[in-house]
Amino acid sequence: VSFDEQLQDSVKLPSLVGLNVYRICQE
């Protein structure tokens, strides 16, 4: 498993969106 992160600092998502992003990736 490899990760490639290109994150600008402190990007935030509304928690509902963030949770769904996480759940979809989990699935």
mmCIF file of all heavy atoms, coordinates in Angstrom:
data_MODEL
# 
_entry.id   MODEL 
# 
loop_
_atom_site.group_PDB 
_atom_site.id 
_atom_site.type_symbol 
_atom_site.label_atom_id 
_atom_site.label_alt_id 
_atom_site.label_comp_id 
_atom_site.label_asym_id 
_atom_site.label_entity_id 
_atom_site.label_seq_id 
_atom_site.pdbx_PDB_ins_code 
_atom_site.Cartn_x 
_atom_site.Cartn_y 
_atom_site.Cartn_z 
_atom_site.occupancy 
_atom_site.B_iso_or_equiv 
_atom_site.pdbx_formal_charge 
_atom_site.auth_seq_id 
_atom_site.auth_comp_id 
_atom_site.auth_asym_id 
_atom_site.auth_atom_id 
_atom_site.pdbx_PDB_model_num 
ATOM 1   N N   . VAL A 1 1  ? 0.853   -1.191 0.000  1.00 0.00 ? 1  VAL A N   1 
ATOM 2   C CA  . VAL A 1 1  ? 0.000   0.000  0.000  1.00 0.00 ? 1  VAL A CA  1 
ATOM 3   C C   . VAL A 1 1  ? 0.888   1.240  0.000  1.00 0.00 ? 1  VAL A C   1 
ATOM 4   O O   . VAL A 1 1  ? 1.733   1.394  0.881  1.00 0.00 ? 1  VAL A O   1 
ATOM 5   C CB  . VAL A 1 1  ? -0.906  0.036  1.253  1.00 0.00 ? 1  VAL A CB  1 
ATOM 6   C CG1 . VAL A 1 1  ? -1.797  1.271  1.231  1.00 0.00 ? 1  VAL A CG1 1 
ATOM 7   C CG2 . VAL A 1 1  ? -1.750  -1.232 1.346  1.00 0.00 ? 1  VAL A CG2 1 
ATOM 8   N N   . SER A 1 2  ? 0.710   2.109  -1.001 1.00 0.00 ? 2  SER A N   1 
ATOM 9   C CA  . SER A 1 2  ? 1.508   3.334  -0.993 1.00 0.00 ? 2  SER A CA  1 
ATOM 10  C C   . SER A 1 2  ? 0.595   4.559  -1.015 1.00 0.00 ? 2  SER A C   1 
ATOM 11  O O   . SER A 1 2  ? -0.463  4.547  -1.630 1.00 0.00 ? 2  SER A O   1 
ATOM 12  C CB  . SER A 1 2  ? 2.478   3.358  -2.174 1.00 0.00 ? 2  SER A CB  1 
ATOM 13  O OG  . SER A 1 2  ? 1.759   3.316  -3.383 1.00 0.00 ? 2  SER A OG  1 
ATOM 14  N N   . PHE A 1 3  ? 1.041   5.582  -0.307 1.00 0.00 ? 3  PHE A N   1 
ATOM 15  C CA  . PHE A 1 3  ? 0.298   6.836  -0.199 1.00 0.00 ? 3  PHE A CA  1 
ATOM 16  C C   . PHE A 1 3  ? 1.052   7.954  -0.887 1.00 0.00 ? 3  PHE A C   1 
ATOM 17  O O   . PHE A 1 3  ? 2.263   8.063  -0.730 1.00 0.00 ? 3  PHE A O   1 
ATOM 18  C CB  . PHE A 1 3  ? 0.129   7.221  1.270  1.00 0.00 ? 3  PHE A CB  1 
ATOM 19  C CG  . PHE A 1 3  ? -1.194  6.831  1.839  1.00 0.00 ? 3  PHE A CG  1 
ATOM 20  C CD1 . PHE A 1 3  ? -1.409  5.538  2.272  1.00 0.00 ? 3  PHE A CD1 1 
ATOM 21  C CD2 . PHE A 1 3  ? -2.224  7.745  1.931  1.00 0.00 ? 3  PHE A CD2 1 
ATOM 22  C CE1 . PHE A 1 3  ? -2.634  5.167  2.789  1.00 0.00 ? 3  PHE A CE1 1 
ATOM 23  C CE2 . PHE A 1 3  ? -3.459  7.389  2.447  1.00 0.00 ? 3  PHE A CE2 1 
ATOM 24  C CZ  . PHE A 1 3  ? -3.657  6.091  2.886  1.00 0.00 ? 3  PHE A CZ  1 
ATOM 25  N N   . ASP A 1 4  ? 0.338   8.758  -1.621 1.00 0.00 ? 4  ASP A N   1 
ATOM 26  C CA  . ASP A 1 4  ? 0.923   9.953  -2.218 1.00 0.00 ? 4  ASP A CA  1 
ATOM 27  C C   . ASP A 1 4  ? 0.063   11.126 -1.777 1.00 0.00 ? 4  ASP A C   1 
ATOM 28  O O   . ASP A 1 4  ? -1.098  11.229 -2.169 1.00 0.00 ? 4  ASP A O   1 
ATOM 29  C CB  . ASP A 1 4  ? 0.934   9.810  -3.743 1.00 0.00 ? 4  ASP A CB  1 
ATOM 30  C CG  . ASP A 1 4  ? 1.506   11.050 -4.423 1.00 0.00 ? 4  ASP A CG  1 
ATOM 31  O OD1 . ASP A 1 4  ? 2.035   11.933 -3.715 1.00 0.00 ? 4  ASP A OD1 1 
ATOM 32  O OD2 . ASP A 1 4  ? 1.408   11.132 -5.653 1.00 0.00 ? 4  ASP A OD2 1 
ATOM 33  N N   . GLU A 1 5  ? 0.615   11.974 -0.928 1.00 0.00 ? 5  GLU A N   1 
ATOM 34  C CA  . GLU A 1 5  ? -0.140  13.117 -0.429 1.00 0.00 ? 5  GLU A CA  1 
ATOM 35  C C   . GLU A 1 5  ? 0.432   14.401 -1.016 1.00 0.00 ? 5  GLU A C   1 
ATOM 36  O O   . GLU A 1 5  ? 1.630   14.619 -0.964 1.00 0.00 ? 5  GLU A O   1 
ATOM 37  C CB  . GLU A 1 5  ? -0.029  13.214 1.091  1.00 0.00 ? 5  GLU A CB  1 
ATOM 38  C CG  . GLU A 1 5  ? -0.787  12.160 1.830  1.00 0.00 ? 5  GLU A CG  1 
ATOM 39  C CD  . GLU A 1 5  ? -0.561  12.303 3.338  1.00 0.00 ? 5  GLU A CD  1 
ATOM 40  O OE1 . GLU A 1 5  ? 0.609   12.430 3.753  1.00 0.00 ? 5  GLU A OE1 1 
ATOM 41  O OE2 . GLU A 1 5  ? -1.537  12.288 4.075  1.00 0.00 ? 5  GLU A OE2 1 
ATOM 42  N N   . GLN A 1 6  ? -0.454  15.224 -1.540 1.00 0.00 ? 6  GLN A N   1 
ATOM 43  C CA  . GLN A 1 6  ? -0.043  16.558 -1.973 1.00 0.00 ? 6  GLN A CA  1 
ATOM 44  C C   . GLN A 1 6  ? -1.046  17.535 -1.383 1.00 0.00 ? 6  GLN A C   1 
ATOM 45  O O   . GLN A 1 6  ? -1.928  18.033 -2.077 1.00 0.00 ? 6  GLN A O   1 
ATOM 46  C CB  . GLN A 1 6  ? 0.007   16.624 -3.497 1.00 0.00 ? 6  GLN A CB  1 
ATOM 47  C CG  . GLN A 1 6  ? 1.067   15.691 -4.079 1.00 0.00 ? 6  GLN A CG  1 
ATOM 48  C CD  . GLN A 1 6  ? 1.028   15.624 -5.588 1.00 0.00 ? 6  GLN A CD  1 
ATOM 49  O OE1 . GLN A 1 6  ? 0.460   16.471 -6.247 1.00 0.00 ? 6  GLN A OE1 1 
ATOM 50  N NE2 . GLN A 1 6  ? 1.638   14.582 -6.135 1.00 0.00 ? 6  GLN A NE2 1 
ATOM 51  N N   . LEU A 1 7  ? -0.916  17.738 -0.093 1.00 0.00 ? 7  LEU A N   1 
ATOM 52  C CA  . LEU A 1 7  ? -1.916  18.529 0.618  1.00 0.00 ? 7  LEU A CA  1 
ATOM 53  C C   . LEU A 1 7  ? -1.398  19.928 0.894  1.00 0.00 ? 7  LEU A C   1 
ATOM 54  O O   . LEU A 1 7  ? -0.289  20.108 1.385  1.00 0.00 ? 7  LEU A O   1 
ATOM 55  C CB  . LEU A 1 7  ? -2.248  17.861 1.962  1.00 0.00 ? 7  LEU A CB  1 
ATOM 56  C CG  . LEU A 1 7  ? -2.842  16.460 1.886  1.00 0.00 ? 7  LEU A CG  1 
ATOM 57  C CD1 . LEU A 1 7  ? -3.073  15.918 3.287  1.00 0.00 ? 7  LEU A CD1 1 
ATOM 58  C CD2 . LEU A 1 7  ? -4.135  16.481 1.113  1.00 0.00 ? 7  LEU A CD2 1 
ATOM 59  N N   . GLN A 1 8  ? -2.245  20.900 0.569  1.00 0.00 ? 8  GLN A N   1 
ATOM 60  C CA  . GLN A 1 8  ? -1.948  22.245 1.036  1.00 0.00 ? 8  GLN A CA  1 
ATOM 61  C C   . GLN A 1 8  ? -2.350  22.280 2.510  1.00 0.00 ? 8  GLN A C   1 
ATOM 62  O O   . GLN A 1 8  ? -3.241  21.558 2.931  1.00 0.00 ? 8  GLN A O   1 
ATOM 63  C CB  . GLN A 1 8  ? -2.750  23.266 0.237  1.00 0.00 ? 8  GLN A CB  1 
ATOM 64  C CG  . GLN A 1 8  ? -2.258  23.377 -1.195 1.00 0.00 ? 8  GLN A CG  1 
ATOM 65  C CD  . GLN A 1 8  ? -3.335  23.866 -2.143 1.00 0.00 ? 8  GLN A CD  1 
ATOM 66  O OE1 . GLN A 1 8  ? -4.499  23.948 -1.783 1.00 0.00 ? 8  GLN A OE1 1 
ATOM 67  N NE2 . GLN A 1 8  ? -2.940  24.146 -3.370 1.00 0.00 ? 8  GLN A NE2 1 
ATOM 68  N N   . ASP A 1 9  ? -1.682  23.119 3.265  1.00 0.00 ? 9  ASP A N   1 
ATOM 69  C CA  . ASP A 1 9  ? -1.925  23.128 4.704  1.00 0.00 ? 9  ASP A CA  1 
ATOM 70  C C   . ASP A 1 9  ? -3.379  23.389 5.048  1.00 0.00 ? 9  ASP A C   1 
ATOM 71  O O   . ASP A 1 9  ? -4.054  24.188 4.409  1.00 0.00 ? 9  ASP A O   1 
ATOM 72  C CB  . ASP A 1 9  ? -1.046  24.172 5.385  1.00 0.00 ? 9  ASP A CB  1 
ATOM 73  C CG  . ASP A 1 9  ? 0.364   23.647 5.552  1.00 0.00 ? 9  ASP A CG  1 
ATOM 74  O OD1 . ASP A 1 9  ? 0.528   22.416 5.459  1.00 0.00 ? 9  ASP A OD1 1 
ATOM 75  O OD2 . ASP A 1 9  ? 1.281   24.464 5.746  1.00 0.00 ? 9  ASP A OD2 1 
ATOM 76  N N   . SER A 1 10 ? -3.820  22.698 6.043  1.00 0.00 ? 10 SER A N   1 
ATOM 77  C CA  . SER A 1 10 ? -5.087  22.940 6.716  1.00 0.00 ? 10 SER A CA  1 
ATOM 78  C C   . SER A 1 10 ? -6.282  23.044 5.778  1.00 0.00 ? 10 SER A C   1 
ATOM 79  O O   . SER A 1 10 ? -7.103  23.933 5.913  1.00 0.00 ? 10 SER A O   1 
ATOM 80  C CB  . SER A 1 10 ? -5.002  24.219 7.553  1.00 0.00 ? 10 SER A CB  1 
ATOM 81  O OG  . SER A 1 10 ? -4.987  25.362 6.724  1.00 0.00 ? 10 SER A OG  1 
ATOM 82  N N   . VAL A 1 11 ? -6.361  22.157 4.813  1.00 0.00 ? 11 VAL A N   1 
ATOM 83  C CA  . VAL A 1 11 ? -7.586  22.085 4.025  1.00 0.00 ? 11 VAL A CA  1 
ATOM 84  C C   . VAL A 1 11 ? -8.637  21.396 4.890  1.00 0.00 ? 11 VAL A C   1 
ATOM 85  O O   . VAL A 1 11 ? -8.372  20.351 5.478  1.00 0.00 ? 11 VAL A O   1 
ATOM 86  C CB  . VAL A 1 11 ? -7.375  21.284 2.726  1.00 0.00 ? 11 VAL A CB  1 
ATOM 87  C CG1 . VAL A 1 11 ? -8.688  21.047 2.013  1.00 0.00 ? 11 VAL A CG1 1 
ATOM 88  C CG2 . VAL A 1 11 ? -6.412  22.035 1.823  1.00 0.00 ? 11 VAL A CG2 1 
ATOM 89  N N   . LYS A 1 12 ? -9.793  22.021 4.972  1.00 0.00 ? 12 LYS A N   1 
ATOM 90  C CA  . LYS A 1 12 ? -10.854 21.455 5.804  1.00 0.00 ? 12 LYS A CA  1 
ATOM 91  C C   . LYS A 1 12 ? -12.059 21.107 4.943  1.00 0.00 ? 12 LYS A C   1 
ATOM 92  O O   . LYS A 1 12 ? -12.323 21.762 3.943  1.00 0.00 ? 12 LYS A O   1 
ATOM 93  C CB  . LYS A 1 12 ? -11.300 22.459 6.871  1.00 0.00 ? 12 LYS A CB  1 
ATOM 94  C CG  . LYS A 1 12 ? -10.271 22.779 7.923  1.00 0.00 ? 12 LYS A CG  1 
ATOM 95  C CD  . LYS A 1 12 ? -10.891 23.683 8.989  1.00 0.00 ? 12 LYS A CD  1 
ATOM 96  C CE  . LYS A 1 12 ? -9.943  23.945 10.143 1.00 0.00 ? 12 LYS A CE  1 
ATOM 97  N NZ  . LYS A 1 12 ? -8.949  24.984 9.836  1.00 0.00 ? 12 LYS A NZ  1 
ATOM 98  N N   . LEU A 1 13 ? -12.765 20.068 5.362  1.00 0.00 ? 13 LEU A N   1 
ATOM 99  C CA  . LEU A 1 13 ? -14.023 19.696 4.717  1.00 0.00 ? 13 LEU A CA  1 
ATOM 100 C C   . LEU A 1 13 ? -15.117 19.735 5.767  1.00 0.00 ? 13 LEU A C   1 
ATOM 101 O O   . LEU A 1 13 ? -14.874 19.413 6.929  1.00 0.00 ? 13 LEU A O   1 
ATOM 102 C CB  . LEU A 1 13 ? -13.934 18.270 4.154  1.00 0.00 ? 13 LEU A CB  1 
ATOM 103 C CG  . LEU A 1 13 ? -12.960 18.019 3.004  1.00 0.00 ? 13 LEU A CG  1 
ATOM 104 C CD1 . LEU A 1 13 ? -12.909 16.543 2.687  1.00 0.00 ? 13 LEU A CD1 1 
ATOM 105 C CD2 . LEU A 1 13 ? -13.359 18.825 1.780  1.00 0.00 ? 13 LEU A CD2 1 
ATOM 106 N N   . PRO A 1 14 ? -16.336 20.118 5.365  1.00 0.00 ? 14 PRO A N   1 
ATOM 107 C CA  . PRO A 1 14 ? -17.452 19.998 6.302  1.00 0.00 ? 14 PRO A CA  1 
ATOM 108 C C   . PRO A 1 14 ? -17.514 18.552 6.797  1.00 0.00 ? 14 PRO A C   1 
ATOM 109 O O   . PRO A 1 14 ? -17.244 17.626 6.027  1.00 0.00 ? 14 PRO A O   1 
ATOM 110 C CB  . PRO A 1 14 ? -18.674 20.320 5.447  1.00 0.00 ? 14 PRO A CB  1 
ATOM 111 C CG  . PRO A 1 14 ? -18.151 21.089 4.284  1.00 0.00 ? 14 PRO A CG  1 
ATOM 112 C CD  . PRO A 1 14 ? -16.753 20.594 4.048  1.00 0.00 ? 14 PRO A CD  1 
ATOM 113 N N   . SER A 1 15 ? -17.834 18.361 8.085  1.00 0.00 ? 15 SER A N   1 
ATOM 114 C CA  . SER A 1 15 ? -17.672 17.029 8.651  1.00 0.00 ? 15 SER A CA  1 
ATOM 115 C C   . SER A 1 15 ? -18.506 15.962 7.936  1.00 0.00 ? 15 SER A C   1 
ATOM 116 O O   . SER A 1 15 ? -18.072 14.826 7.799  1.00 0.00 ? 15 SER A O   1 
ATOM 117 C CB  . SER A 1 15 ? -17.962 17.032 10.150 1.00 0.00 ? 15 SER A CB  1 
ATOM 118 O OG  . SER A 1 15 ? -19.219 17.601 10.387 1.00 0.00 ? 15 SER A OG  1 
ATOM 119 N N   . LEU A 1 16 ? -19.687 16.327 7.447  1.00 0.00 ? 16 LEU A N   1 
ATOM 120 C CA  . LEU A 1 16 ? -20.505 15.340 6.744  1.00 0.00 ? 16 LEU A CA  1 
ATOM 121 C C   . LEU A 1 16 ? -19.807 14.884 5.465  1.00 0.00 ? 16 LEU A C   1 
ATOM 122 O O   . LEU A 1 16 ? -19.770 13.698 5.139  1.00 0.00 ? 16 LEU A O   1 
ATOM 123 C CB  . LEU A 1 16 ? -21.885 15.913 6.398  1.00 0.00 ? 16 LEU A CB  1 
ATOM 124 C CG  . LEU A 1 16 ? -22.809 14.926 5.666  1.00 0.00 ? 16 LEU A CG  1 
ATOM 125 C CD1 . LEU A 1 16 ? -23.308 13.859 6.626  1.00 0.00 ? 16 LEU A CD1 1 
ATOM 126 C CD2 . LEU A 1 16 ? -23.970 15.635 5.008  1.00 0.00 ? 16 LEU A CD2 1 
ATOM 127 N N   . VAL A 1 17 ? -19.229 15.840 4.752  1.00 0.00 ? 17 VAL A N   1 
ATOM 128 C CA  . VAL A 1 17 ? -18.505 15.520 3.518  1.00 0.00 ? 17 VAL A CA  1 
ATOM 129 C C   . VAL A 1 17 ? -17.279 14.672 3.856  1.00 0.00 ? 17 VAL A C   1 
ATOM 130 O O   . VAL A 1 17 ? -17.021 13.642 3.243  1.00 0.00 ? 17 VAL A O   1 
ATOM 131 C CB  . VAL A 1 17 ? -18.083 16.808 2.769  1.00 0.00 ? 17 VAL A CB  1 
ATOM 132 C CG1 . VAL A 1 17 ? -17.245 16.476 1.546  1.00 0.00 ? 17 VAL A CG1 1 
ATOM 133 C CG2 . VAL A 1 17 ? -19.319 17.602 2.369  1.00 0.00 ? 17 VAL A CG2 1 
ATOM 134 N N   . GLY A 1 18 ? -16.541 15.095 4.871  1.00 0.00 ? 18 GLY A N   1 
ATOM 135 C CA  . GLY A 1 18 ? -15.338 14.378 5.286  1.00 0.00 ? 18 GLY A CA  1 
ATOM 136 C C   . GLY A 1 18 ? -15.627 12.942 5.664  1.00 0.00 ? 18 GLY A C   1 
ATOM 137 O O   . GLY A 1 18 ? -14.901 12.016 5.282  1.00 0.00 ? 18 GLY A O   1 
ATOM 138 N N   . LEU A 1 19 ? -16.713 12.761 6.406  1.00 0.00 ? 19 LEU A N   1 
ATOM 139 C CA  . LEU A 1 19 ? -17.094 11.412 6.838  1.00 0.00 ? 19 LEU A CA  1 
ATOM 140 C C   . LEU A 1 19 ? -17.430 10.543 5.637  1.00 0.00 ? 19 LEU A C   1 
ATOM 141 O O   . LEU A 1 19 ? -17.020 9.376  5.554  1.00 0.00 ? 19 LEU A O   1 
ATOM 142 C CB  . LEU A 1 19 ? -18.286 11.497 7.787  1.00 0.00 ? 19 LEU A CB  1 
ATOM 143 C CG  . LEU A 1 19 ? -18.633 10.190 8.506  1.00 0.00 ? 19 LEU A CG  1 
ATOM 144 C CD1 . LEU A 1 19 ? -17.489 9.775  9.427  1.00 0.00 ? 19 LEU A CD1 1 
ATOM 145 C CD2 . LEU A 1 19 ? -19.919 10.338 9.288  1.00 0.00 ? 19 LEU A CD2 1 
ATOM 146 N N   . ASN A 1 20 ? -18.161 11.101 4.685  1.00 0.00 ? 20 ASN A N   1 
ATOM 147 C CA  . ASN A 1 20 ? -18.531 10.332 3.498  1.00 0.00 ? 20 ASN A CA  1 
ATOM 148 C C   . ASN A 1 20 ? -17.311 10.013 2.631  1.00 0.00 ? 20 ASN A C   1 
ATOM 149 O O   . ASN A 1 20 ? -17.218 8.921  2.073  1.00 0.00 ? 20 ASN A O   1 
ATOM 150 C CB  . ASN A 1 20 ? -19.611 11.057 2.696  1.00 0.00 ? 20 ASN A CB  1 
ATOM 151 C CG  . ASN A 1 20 ? -20.991 10.818 3.280  1.00 0.00 ? 20 ASN A CG  1 
ATOM 152 O OD1 . ASN A 1 20 ? -21.413 9.688  3.470  1.00 0.00 ? 20 ASN A OD1 1 
ATOM 153 N ND2 . ASN A 1 20 ? -21.695 11.893 3.597  1.00 0.00 ? 20 ASN A ND2 1 
ATOM 154 N N   . VAL A 1 21 ? -16.391 10.959 2.520  1.00 0.00 ? 21 VAL A N   1 
ATOM 155 C CA  . VAL A 1 21 ? -15.144 10.697 1.796  1.00 0.00 ? 21 VAL A CA  1 
ATOM 156 C C   . VAL A 1 21 ? -14.450 9.491  2.427  1.00 0.00 ? 21 VAL A C   1 
ATOM 157 O O   . VAL A 1 21 ? -14.041 8.547  1.739  1.00 0.00 ? 21 VAL A O   1 
ATOM 158 C CB  . VAL A 1 21 ? -14.212 11.934 1.837  1.00 0.00 ? 21 VAL A CB  1 
ATOM 159 C CG1 . VAL A 1 21 ? -12.777 11.562 1.463  1.00 0.00 ? 21 VAL A CG1 1 
ATOM 160 C CG2 . VAL A 1 21 ? -14.738 13.015 0.904  1.00 0.00 ? 21 VAL A CG2 1 
ATOM 161 N N   . TYR A 1 22 ? -14.341 9.516  3.748  1.00 0.00 ? 22 TYR A N   1 
ATOM 162 C CA  . TYR A 1 22 ? -13.659 8.433  4.457  1.00 0.00 ? 22 TYR A CA  1 
ATOM 163 C C   . TYR A 1 22 ? -14.378 7.098  4.235  1.00 0.00 ? 22 TYR A C   1 
ATOM 164 O O   . TYR A 1 22 ? -13.761 6.085  3.919  1.00 0.00 ? 22 TYR A O   1 
ATOM 165 C CB  . TYR A 1 22 ? -13.571 8.757  5.948  1.00 0.00 ? 22 TYR A CB  1 
ATOM 166 C CG  . TYR A 1 22 ? -12.916 7.658  6.742  1.00 0.00 ? 22 TYR A CG  1 
ATOM 167 C CD1 . TYR A 1 22 ? -11.540 7.421  6.639  1.00 0.00 ? 22 TYR A CD1 1 
ATOM 168 C CD2 . TYR A 1 22 ? -13.652 6.854  7.595  1.00 0.00 ? 22 TYR A CD2 1 
ATOM 169 C CE1 . TYR A 1 22 ? -10.928 6.404  7.356  1.00 0.00 ? 22 TYR A CE1 1 
ATOM 170 C CE2 . TYR A 1 22 ? -13.049 5.836  8.318  1.00 0.00 ? 22 TYR A CE2 1 
ATOM 171 C CZ  . TYR A 1 22 ? -11.690 5.617  8.193  1.00 0.00 ? 22 TYR A CZ  1 
ATOM 172 O OH  . TYR A 1 22 ? -11.095 4.602  8.897  1.00 0.00 ? 22 TYR A OH  1 
ATOM 173 N N   . ARG A 1 23 ? -15.698 7.108  4.370  1.00 0.00 ? 23 ARG A N   1 
ATOM 174 C CA  . ARG A 1 23 ? -16.483 5.873  4.223  1.00 0.00 ? 23 ARG A CA  1 
ATOM 175 C C   . ARG A 1 23 ? -16.381 5.291  2.806  1.00 0.00 ? 23 ARG A C   1 
ATOM 176 O O   . ARG A 1 23 ? -16.299 4.084  2.631  1.00 0.00 ? 23 ARG A O   1 
ATOM 177 C CB  . ARG A 1 23 ? -17.951 6.139  4.554  1.00 0.00 ? 23 ARG A CB  1 
ATOM 178 C CG  . ARG A 1 23 ? -18.209 6.427  6.003  1.00 0.00 ? 23 ARG A CG  1 
ATOM 179 C CD  . ARG A 1 23 ? -18.569 5.170  6.762  1.00 0.00 ? 23 ARG A CD  1 
ATOM 180 N NE  . ARG A 1 23 ? -18.952 5.470  8.129  1.00 0.00 ? 23 ARG A NE  1 
ATOM 181 C CZ  . ARG A 1 23 ? -18.109 5.384  9.162  1.00 0.00 ? 23 ARG A CZ  1 
ATOM 182 N NH1 . ARG A 1 23 ? -16.848 5.034  8.964  1.00 0.00 ? 23 ARG A NH1 1 
ATOM 183 N NH2 . ARG A 1 23 ? -18.515 5.645  10.377 1.00 0.00 ? 23 ARG A NH2 1 
ATOM 184 N N   . ILE A 1 24 ? -16.426 6.165  1.803  1.00 0.00 ? 24 ILE A N   1 
ATOM 185 C CA  . ILE A 1 24 ? -16.320 5.695  0.413  1.00 0.00 ? 24 ILE A CA  1 
ATOM 186 C C   . ILE A 1 24 ? -14.941 5.063  0.182  1.00 0.00 ? 24 ILE A C   1 
ATOM 187 O O   . ILE A 1 24 ? -14.823 3.997  -0.425 1.00 0.00 ? 24 ILE A O   1 
ATOM 188 C CB  . ILE A 1 24 ? -16.569 6.854  -0.581 1.00 0.00 ? 24 ILE A CB  1 
ATOM 189 C CG1 . ILE A 1 24 ? -18.036 7.297  -0.508 1.00 0.00 ? 24 ILE A CG1 1 
ATOM 190 C CG2 . ILE A 1 24 ? -16.225 6.430  -2.003 1.00 0.00 ? 24 ILE A CG2 1 
ATOM 191 C CD1 . ILE A 1 24 ? -18.330 8.606  -1.236 1.00 0.00 ? 24 ILE A CD1 1 
ATOM 192 N N   . CYS A 1 25 ? -13.909 5.710  0.692  1.00 0.00 ? 25 CYS A N   1 
ATOM 193 C CA  . CYS A 1 25 ? -12.550 5.169  0.537  1.00 0.00 ? 25 CYS A CA  1 
ATOM 194 C C   . CYS A 1 25 ? -12.405 3.840  1.273  1.00 0.00 ? 25 CYS A C   1 
ATOM 195 O O   . CYS A 1 25 ? -11.776 2.905  0.775  1.00 0.00 ? 25 CYS A O   1 
ATOM 196 C CB  . CYS A 1 25 ? -11.518 6.159  1.057  1.00 0.00 ? 25 CYS A CB  1 
ATOM 197 S SG  . CYS A 1 25 ? -11.362 7.627  0.026  1.00 0.00 ? 25 CYS A SG  1 
ATOM 198 N N   . GLN A 1 26 ? -13.023 3.760  2.446  1.00 0.00 ? 26 GLN A N   1 
ATOM 199 C CA  . GLN A 1 26 ? -13.030 2.529  3.224  1.00 0.00 ? 26 GLN A CA  1 
ATOM 200 C C   . GLN A 1 26 ? -13.641 1.394  2.411  1.00 0.00 ? 26 GLN A C   1 
ATOM 201 O O   . GLN A 1 26 ? -13.092 0.296  2.332  1.00 0.00 ? 26 GLN A O   1 
ATOM 202 C CB  . GLN A 1 26 ? -13.889 2.753  4.475  1.00 0.00 ? 26 GLN A CB  1 
ATOM 203 C CG  . GLN A 1 26 ? -13.194 2.450  5.753  1.00 0.00 ? 26 GLN A CG  1 
ATOM 204 C CD  . GLN A 1 26 ? -14.125 2.635  6.952  1.00 0.00 ? 26 GLN A CD  1 
ATOM 205 O OE1 . GLN A 1 26 ? -15.259 3.127  6.853  1.00 0.00 ? 26 GLN A OE1 1 
ATOM 206 N NE2 . GLN A 1 26 ? -13.654 2.226  8.093  1.00 0.00 ? 26 GLN A NE2 1 
ATOM 207 N N   . GLU A 1 27 ? -14.771 1.695  1.813  1.00 0.00 ? 27 GLU A N   1 
ATOM 208 C CA  . GLU A 1 27 ? -15.482 0.712  1.006  1.00 0.00 ? 27 GLU A CA  1 
ATOM 209 C C   . GLU A 1 27 ? -14.641 0.294  -0.205 1.00 0.00 ? 27 GLU A C   1 
ATOM 210 O O   . GLU A 1 27 ? -14.570 -0.892 -0.556 1.00 0.00 ? 27 GLU A O   1 
ATOM 211 C CB  . GLU A 1 27 ? -16.801 1.321  0.553  1.00 0.00 ? 27 GLU A CB  1 
ATOM 212 C CG  . GLU A 1 27 ? -17.767 0.364  -0.106 1.00 0.00 ? 27 GLU A CG  1 
ATOM 213 C CD  . GLU A 1 27 ? -18.755 -0.254 0.872  1.00 0.00 ? 27 GLU A CD  1 
ATOM 214 O OE1 . GLU A 1 27 ? -19.385 0.495  1.643  1.00 0.00 ? 27 GLU A OE1 1 
ATOM 215 O OE2 . GLU A 1 27 ? -18.895 -1.489 0.840  1.00 0.00 ? 27 GLU A OE2 1 
# 
